[in-house]
Amino acid sequence: MADVKYSKAIERLDEIIGQIESDDIDVDELSLRVKEAVDLVKLCKAKIDKAELEVKQVVDDFIKESKNE
């Protein structure tokens, strides 16, 4: 699941929420959807954390380069 794009994960989360809110889902399916949603949330958080670190590194590098000029 790690190769799933952030936008696709969010789309799938929206689908799952719609299914859960529809009240037209049995308990077994609900359990599976909740587990899938948790995995997707973890994936999205990891992608956000990684992007945050990358942006911070770029900004830090830019600041260092600016001070050397």
PDB file of N, CA and C in Angstrom:
ATOM      1  N   MET A   1       0.817  -1.206   0.000  1.00  0.00           N
ATOM      2  CA  MET A   1       0.000   0.000   0.000  1.00  0.00           C
ATOM      3  C   MET A   1       0.857   1.265   0.000  1.00  0.00           C
ATOM      4  N   ALA A   2       2.146   1.120   0.286  1.00  0.00           N
ATOM      5  CA  ALA A   2       3.040   2.273   0.382  1.00  0.00           C
ATOM      6  C   ALA A   2       3.188   3.016  -0.943  1.00  0.00           C
ATOM      7  N   ASP A   3       2.912   2.356  -2.057  1.00  0.00           N
ATOM      8  CA  ASP A   3       3.060   3.009  -3.355  1.00  0.00           C
ATOM      9  C   ASP A   3       1.795   3.761  -3.777  1.00  0.00           C
ATOM     10  N   VAL A   4       0.786   3.792  -2.911  1.00  0.00           N
ATOM     11  CA  VAL A   4      -0.454   4.509  -3.199  1.00  0.00           C
ATOM     12  C   VAL A   4      -0.198   6.007  -3.070  1.00  0.00           C
ATOM     13  N   LYS A   5      -0.660   6.763  -4.044  1.00  0.00           N
ATOM     14  CA  LYS A   5      -0.515   8.213  -4.004  1.00  0.00           C
ATOM     15  C   LYS A   5      -1.407   8.790  -2.908  1.00  0.00           C
ATOM     16  N   TYR A   6      -0.973   9.899  -2.335  1.00  0.00           N
ATOM     17  CA  TYR A   6      -1.728  10.558  -1.271  1.00  0.00           C
ATOM     18  C   TYR A   6      -3.147  10.881  -1.728  1.00  0.00           C
ATOM     19  N   SER A   7      -3.280  11.444  -2.916  1.00  0.00           N
ATOM     20  CA  SER A   7      -4.610  11.838  -3.401  1.00  0.00           C
ATOM     21  C   SER A   7      -5.531  10.635  -3.578  1.00  0.00           C
ATOM     22  N   LYS A   8      -4.977   9.512  -4.010  1.00  0.00           N
ATOM     23  CA  LYS A   8      -5.781   8.292  -4.158  1.00  0.00           C
ATOM     24  C   LYS A   8      -6.202   7.749  -2.792  1.00  0.00           C
ATOM     25  N   ALA A   9      -5.309   7.853  -1.818  1.00  0.00           N
ATOM     26  CA  ALA A   9      -5.635   7.394  -0.467  1.00  0.00           C
ATOM     27  C   ALA A   9      -6.774   8.235   0.113  1.00  0.00           C
ATOM     28  N   ILE A  10      -6.719   9.538  -0.110  1.00  0.00           N
ATOM     29  CA  ILE A  10      -7.781  10.426   0.379  1.00  0.00           C
ATOM     30  C   ILE A  10      -9.100  10.109  -0.315  1.00  0.00           C
ATOM     31  N   GLU A  11      -9.052   9.873  -1.624  1.00  0.00           N
ATOM     32  CA  GLU A  11     -10.266   9.495  -2.361  1.00  0.00           C
ATOM     33  C   GLU A  11     -10.874   8.221  -1.781  1.00  0.00           C
ATOM     34  N   ARG A  12     -10.029   7.245  -1.503  1.00  0.00           N
ATOM     35  CA  ARG A  12     -10.520   5.981  -0.956  1.00  0.00           C
ATOM     36  C   ARG A  12     -11.099   6.193   0.442  1.00  0.00           C
ATOM     37  N   LEU A  13     -10.455   7.022   1.246  1.00  0.00           N
ATOM     38  CA  LEU A  13     -10.997   7.330   2.565  1.00  0.00           C
ATOM     39  C   LEU A  13     -12.387   7.960   2.453  1.00  0.00           C
ATOM     40  N   ASP A  14     -12.557   8.860   1.497  1.00  0.00           N
ATOM     41  CA  ASP A  14     -13.871   9.467   1.266  1.00  0.00           C
ATOM     42  C   ASP A  14     -14.912   8.406   0.896  1.00  0.00           C
ATOM     43  N   GLU A  15     -14.508   7.453   0.055  1.00  0.00           N
ATOM     44  CA  GLU A  15     -15.413   6.367  -0.323  1.00  0.00           C
ATOM     45  C   GLU A  15     -15.821   5.540   0.895  1.00  0.00           C
ATOM     46  N   ILE A  16     -14.838   5.213   1.714  1.00  0.00           N
ATOM     47  CA  ILE A  16     -15.102   4.402   2.911  1.00  0.00           C
ATOM     48  C   ILE A  16     -16.044   5.145   3.859  1.00  0.00           C
ATOM     49  N   ILE A  17     -15.791   6.426   4.061  1.00  0.00           N
ATOM     50  CA  ILE A  17     -16.655   7.221   4.932  1.00  0.00           C
ATOM     51  C   ILE A  17     -18.084   7.225   4.397  1.00  0.00           C
ATOM     52  N   GLY A  18     -18.220   7.371   3.079  1.00  0.00           N
ATOM     53  CA  GLY A  18     -19.548   7.331   2.464  1.00  0.00           C
ATOM     54  C   GLY A  18     -20.244   6.008   2.713  1.00  0.00           C
ATOM     55  N   GLN A  19     -19.491   4.921   2.595  1.00  0.00           N
ATOM     56  CA  GLN A  19     -20.076   3.595   2.835  1.00  0.00           C
ATOM     57  C   GLN A  19     -20.522   3.453   4.290  1.00  0.00           C
ATOM     58  N   ILE A  20     -19.696   3.912   5.197  1.00  0.00           N
ATOM     59  CA  ILE A  20     -20.016   3.806   6.623  1.00  0.00           C
ATOM     60  C   ILE A  20     -21.228   4.672   6.967  1.00  0.00           C
ATOM     61  N   GLU A  21     -21.270   5.869   6.416  1.00  0.00           N
ATOM     62  CA  GLU A  21     -22.375   6.782   6.711  1.00  0.00           C
ATOM     63  C   GLU A  21     -23.689   6.332   6.089  1.00  0.00           C
ATOM     64  N   SER A  22     -23.628   5.485   5.075  1.00  0.00           N
ATOM     65  CA  SER A  22     -24.848   5.062   4.391  1.00  0.00           C
ATOM     66  C   SER A  22     -25.695   4.108   5.230  1.00  0.00           C
ATOM     67  N   ASP A  23     -25.136   3.570   6.285  1.00  0.00           N
ATOM     68  CA  ASP A  23     -25.837   2.601   7.147  1.00  0.00           C
ATOM     69  C   ASP A  23     -26.286   1.365   6.374  1.00  0.00           C
ATOM     70  N   ASP A  24     -25.745   1.176   5.181  1.00  0.00           N
ATOM     71  CA  ASP A  24     -26.121   0.033   4.355  1.00  0.00           C
ATOM     72  C   ASP A  24     -24.939  -0.931   4.248  1.00  0.00           C
ATOM     73  N   ILE A  25     -24.262  -1.138   5.375  1.00  0.00           N
ATOM     74  CA  ILE A  25     -23.069  -1.972   5.387  1.00  0.00           C
ATOM     75  C   ILE A  25     -23.185  -2.937   6.577  1.00  0.00           C
ATOM     76  N   ASP A  26     -22.878  -4.206   6.326  1.00  0.00           N
ATOM     77  CA  ASP A  26     -22.990  -5.166   7.430  1.00  0.00           C
ATOM     78  C   ASP A  26     -21.759  -5.091   8.333  1.00  0.00           C
ATOM     79  N   VAL A  27     -21.864  -5.706   9.486  1.00  0.00           N
ATOM     80  CA  VAL A  27     -20.825  -5.595  10.507  1.00  0.00           C
ATOM     81  C   VAL A  27     -19.477  -6.133  10.018  1.00  0.00           C
ATOM     82  N   ASP A  28     -19.491  -7.248   9.309  1.00  0.00           N
ATOM     83  CA  ASP A  28     -18.233  -7.817   8.812  1.00  0.00           C
ATOM     84  C   ASP A  28     -17.557  -6.862   7.831  1.00  0.00           C
ATOM     85  N   GLU A  29     -18.344  -6.300   6.953  1.00  0.00           N
ATOM     86  CA  GLU A  29     -17.802  -5.346   5.975  1.00  0.00           C
ATOM     87  C   GLU A  29     -17.343  -4.075   6.679  1.00  0.00           C
ATOM     88  N   LEU A  30     -18.088  -3.644   7.679  1.00  0.00           N
ATOM     89  CA  LEU A  30     -17.725  -2.449   8.435  1.00  0.00           C
ATOM     90  C   LEU A  30     -16.353  -2.609   9.073  1.00  0.00           C
ATOM     91  N   SER A  31     -16.128  -3.755   9.680  1.00  0.00           N
ATOM     92  CA  SER A  31     -14.844  -4.027  10.313  1.00  0.00           C
ATOM     93  C   SER A  31     -13.701  -3.945   9.306  1.00  0.00           C
ATOM     94  N   LEU A  32     -13.895  -4.527   8.136  1.00  0.00           N
ATOM     95  CA  LEU A  32     -12.864  -4.487   7.089  1.00  0.00           C
ATOM     96  C   LEU A  32     -12.608  -3.059   6.617  1.00  0.00           C
ATOM     97  N   ARG A  33     -13.673  -2.291   6.443  1.00  0.00           N
ATOM     98  CA  ARG A  33     -13.533  -0.910   5.961  1.00  0.00           C
ATOM     99  C   ARG A  33     -12.826  -0.038   6.999  1.00  0.00           C
ATOM    100  N   VAL A  34     -13.139  -0.244   8.272  1.00  0.00           N
ATOM    101  CA  VAL A  34     -12.476   0.531   9.326  1.00  0.00           C
ATOM    102  C   VAL A  34     -10.987   0.202   9.359  1.00  0.00           C
ATOM    103  N   LYS A  35     -10.644  -1.061   9.244  1.00  0.00           N
ATOM    104  CA  LYS A  35      -9.225  -1.458   9.206  1.00  0.00           C
ATOM    105  C   LYS A  35      -8.524  -0.834   8.002  1.00  0.00           C
ATOM    106  N   GLU A  36      -9.182  -0.859   6.853  1.00  0.00           N
ATOM    107  CA  GLU A  36      -8.604  -0.249   5.650  1.00  0.00           C
ATOM    108  C   GLU A  36      -8.419   1.256   5.851  1.00  0.00           C
ATOM    109  N   ALA A  37      -9.407   1.889   6.455  1.00  0.00           N
ATOM    110  CA  ALA A  37      -9.330   3.332   6.699  1.00  0.00           C
ATOM    111  C   ALA A  37      -8.159   3.661   7.626  1.00  0.00           C
ATOM    112  N   VAL A  38      -7.971   2.862   8.660  1.00  0.00           N
ATOM    113  CA  VAL A  38      -6.849   3.091   9.582  1.00  0.00           C
ATOM    114  C   VAL A  38      -5.520   2.980   8.833  1.00  0.00           C
ATOM    115  N   ASP A  39      -5.392   1.979   7.990  1.00  0.00           N
ATOM    116  CA  ASP A  39      -4.160   1.821   7.209  1.00  0.00           C
ATOM    117  C   ASP A  39      -3.944   3.019   6.286  1.00  0.00           C
ATOM    118  N   LEU A  40      -5.009   3.509   5.679  1.00  0.00           N
ATOM    119  CA  LEU A  40      -4.901   4.662   4.788  1.00  0.00           C
ATOM    120  C   LEU A  40      -4.519   5.925   5.555  1.00  0.00           C
ATOM    121  N   VAL A  41      -5.076   6.108   6.737  1.00  0.00           N
ATOM    122  CA  VAL A  41      -4.724   7.270   7.560  1.00  0.00           C
ATOM    123  C   VAL A  41      -3.245   7.207   7.944  1.00  0.00           C
ATOM    124  N   LYS A  42      -2.765   6.037   8.316  1.00  0.00           N
ATOM    125  CA  LYS A  42      -1.343   5.873   8.655  1.00  0.00           C
ATOM    126  C   LYS A  42      -0.466   6.207   7.448  1.00  0.00           C
ATOM    127  N   LEU A  43      -0.872   5.728   6.278  1.00  0.00           N
ATOM    128  CA  LEU A  43      -0.129   6.000   5.049  1.00  0.00           C
ATOM    129  C   LEU A  43      -0.078   7.501   4.771  1.00  0.00           C
ATOM    130  N   CYS A  44      -1.225   8.160   4.878  1.00  0.00           N
ATOM    131  CA  CYS A  44      -1.275   9.601   4.625  1.00  0.00           C
ATOM    132  C   CYS A  44      -0.410  10.364   5.622  1.00  0.00           C
ATOM    133  N   LYS A  45      -0.467   9.975   6.881  1.00  0.00           N
ATOM    134  CA  LYS A  45       0.351  10.644   7.892  1.00  0.00           C
ATOM    135  C   LYS A  45       1.837  10.470   7.587  1.00  0.00           C
ATOM    136  N   ALA A  46       2.223   9.275   7.196  1.00  0.00           N
ATOM    137  CA  ALA A  46       3.630   9.034   6.861  1.00  0.00           C
ATOM    138  C   ALA A  46       4.061   9.887   5.674  1.00  0.00           C
ATOM    139  N   LYS A  47       3.198  10.016   4.679  1.00  0.00           N
ATOM    140  CA  LYS A  47       3.530  10.836   3.508  1.00  0.00           C
ATOM    141  C   LYS A  47       3.635  12.313   3.885  1.00  0.00           C
ATOM    142  N   ILE A  48       2.744  12.773   4.753  1.00  0.00           N
ATOM    143  CA  ILE A  48       2.797  14.167   5.211  1.00  0.00           C
ATOM    144  C   ILE A  48       4.066  14.408   6.014  1.00  0.00           C
ATOM    145  N   ASP A  49       4.398  13.497   6.915  1.00  0.00           N
ATOM    146  CA  ASP A  49       5.617  13.633   7.714  1.00  0.00           C
ATOM    147  C   ASP A  49       6.857  13.678   6.826  1.00  0.00           C
ATOM    148  N   LYS A  50       6.892  12.806   5.820  1.00  0.00           N
ATOM    149  CA  LYS A  50       8.034  12.773   4.901  1.00  0.00           C
ATOM    150  C   LYS A  50       8.136  14.082   4.113  1.00  0.00           C
ATOM    151  N   ALA A  51       7.009  14.565   3.627  1.00  0.00           N
ATOM    152  CA  ALA A  51       7.011  15.815   2.867  1.00  0.00           C
ATOM    153  C   ALA A  51       7.449  16.982   3.746  1.00  0.00           C
ATOM    154  N   GLU A  52       7.004  16.984   4.989  1.00  0.00           N
ATOM    155  CA  GLU A  52       7.384  18.044   5.920  1.00  0.00           C
ATOM    156  C   GLU A  52       8.898  18.057   6.131  1.00  0.00           C
ATOM    157  N   LEU A  53       9.483  16.877   6.315  1.00  0.00           N
ATOM    158  CA  LEU A  53      10.938  16.801   6.492  1.00  0.00           C
ATOM    159  C   LEU A  53      11.682  17.273   5.244  1.00  0.00           C
ATOM    160  N   GLU A  54      11.181  16.882   4.076  1.00  0.00           N
ATOM    161  CA  GLU A  54      11.830  17.285   2.828  1.00  0.00           C
ATOM    162  C   GLU A  54      11.763  18.794   2.635  1.00  0.00           C
ATOM    163  N   VAL A  55      10.610  19.383   2.932  1.00  0.00           N
ATOM    164  CA  VAL A  55      10.458  20.837   2.793  1.00  0.00           C
ATOM    165  C   VAL A  55      11.377  21.548   3.793  1.00  0.00           C
ATOM    166  N   LYS A  56      11.426  21.051   5.014  1.00  0.00           N
ATOM    167  CA  LYS A  56      12.299  21.653   6.020  1.00  0.00           C
ATOM    168  C   LYS A  56      13.753  21.604   5.559  1.00  0.00           C
ATOM    169  N   GLN A  57      14.168  20.485   4.982  1.00  0.00           N
ATOM    170  CA  GLN A  57      15.546  20.360   4.500  1.00  0.00           C
ATOM    171  C   GLN A  57      15.833  21.349   3.376  1.00  0.00           C
ATOM    172  N   VAL A  58      14.897  21.499   2.464  1.00  0.00           N
ATOM    173  CA  VAL A  58      15.077  22.447   1.362  1.00  0.00           C
ATOM    174  C   VAL A  58      15.195  23.875   1.905  1.00  0.00           C
ATOM    175  N   VAL A  59      14.320  24.228   2.842  1.00  0.00           N
ATOM    176  CA  VAL A  59      14.365  25.572   3.434  1.00  0.00           C
ATOM    177  C   VAL A  59      15.672  25.783   4.184  1.00  0.00           C
ATOM    178  N   ASP A  60      16.079  24.792   4.973  1.00  0.00           N
ATOM    179  CA  ASP A  60      17.344  24.903   5.706  1.00  0.00           C
ATOM    180  C   ASP A  60      18.518  25.080   4.749  1.00  0.00           C
ATOM    181  N   ASP A  61      18.543  24.313   3.676  1.00  0.00           N
ATOM    182  CA  ASP A  61      19.613  24.441   2.671  1.00  0.00           C
ATOM    183  C   ASP A  61      19.598  25.822   2.034  1.00  0.00           C
ATOM    184  N   PHE A  62      18.420  26.330   1.742  1.00  0.00           N
ATOM    185  CA  PHE A  62      18.293  27.644   1.138  1.00  0.00           C
ATOM    186  C   PHE A  62      18.832  28.720   2.082  1.00  0.00           C
ATOM    187  N   ILE A  63      18.482  28.606   3.352  1.00  0.00           N
ATOM    188  CA  ILE A  63      18.958  29.593   4.344  1.00  0.00           C
ATOM    189  C   ILE A  63      20.476  29.540   4.446  1.00  0.00           C
ATOM    190  N   LYS A  64      21.055  28.337   4.475  1.00  0.00           N
ATOM    191  CA  LYS A  64      22.509  28.199   4.550  1.00  0.00           C
ATOM    192  C   LYS A  64      23.179  28.819   3.330  1.00  0.00           C
ATOM    193  N   GLU A  65      22.615  28.559   2.148  1.00  0.00           N
ATOM    194  CA  GLU A  65      23.179  29.106   0.914  1.00  0.00           C
ATOM    195  C   GLU A  65      23.063  30.625   0.892  1.00  0.00           C
ATOM    196  N   SER A  66      21.976  31.141   1.383  1.00  0.00           N
ATOM    197  CA  SER A  66      21.770  32.599   1.412  1.00  0.00           C
ATOM    198  C   SER A  66      22.778  33.284   2.330  1.00  0.00           C
ATOM    199  N   LYS A  67      23.132  32.650   3.421  1.00  0.00           N
ATOM    200  CA  LYS A  67      24.097  33.232   4.362  1.00  0.00           C
ATOM    201  C   LYS A  67      25.505  33.209   3.798  1.00  0.00           C
ATOM    202  N   ASN A  68      25.797  32.270   2.903  1.00  0.00           N
ATOM    203  CA  ASN A  68      27.130  32.151   2.316  1.00  0.00           C
ATOM    204  C   ASN A  68      27.352  33.121   1.167  1.00  0.00           C
ATOM    205  N   GLU A  69      26.299  33.753   0.716  1.00  0.00           N
ATOM    206  CA  GLU A  69      26.454  34.645  -0.450  1.00  0.00           C
ATOM    207  C   GLU A  69      26.869  36.027  -0.046  1.00  0.00           C
TER     208      GLU A  69
END
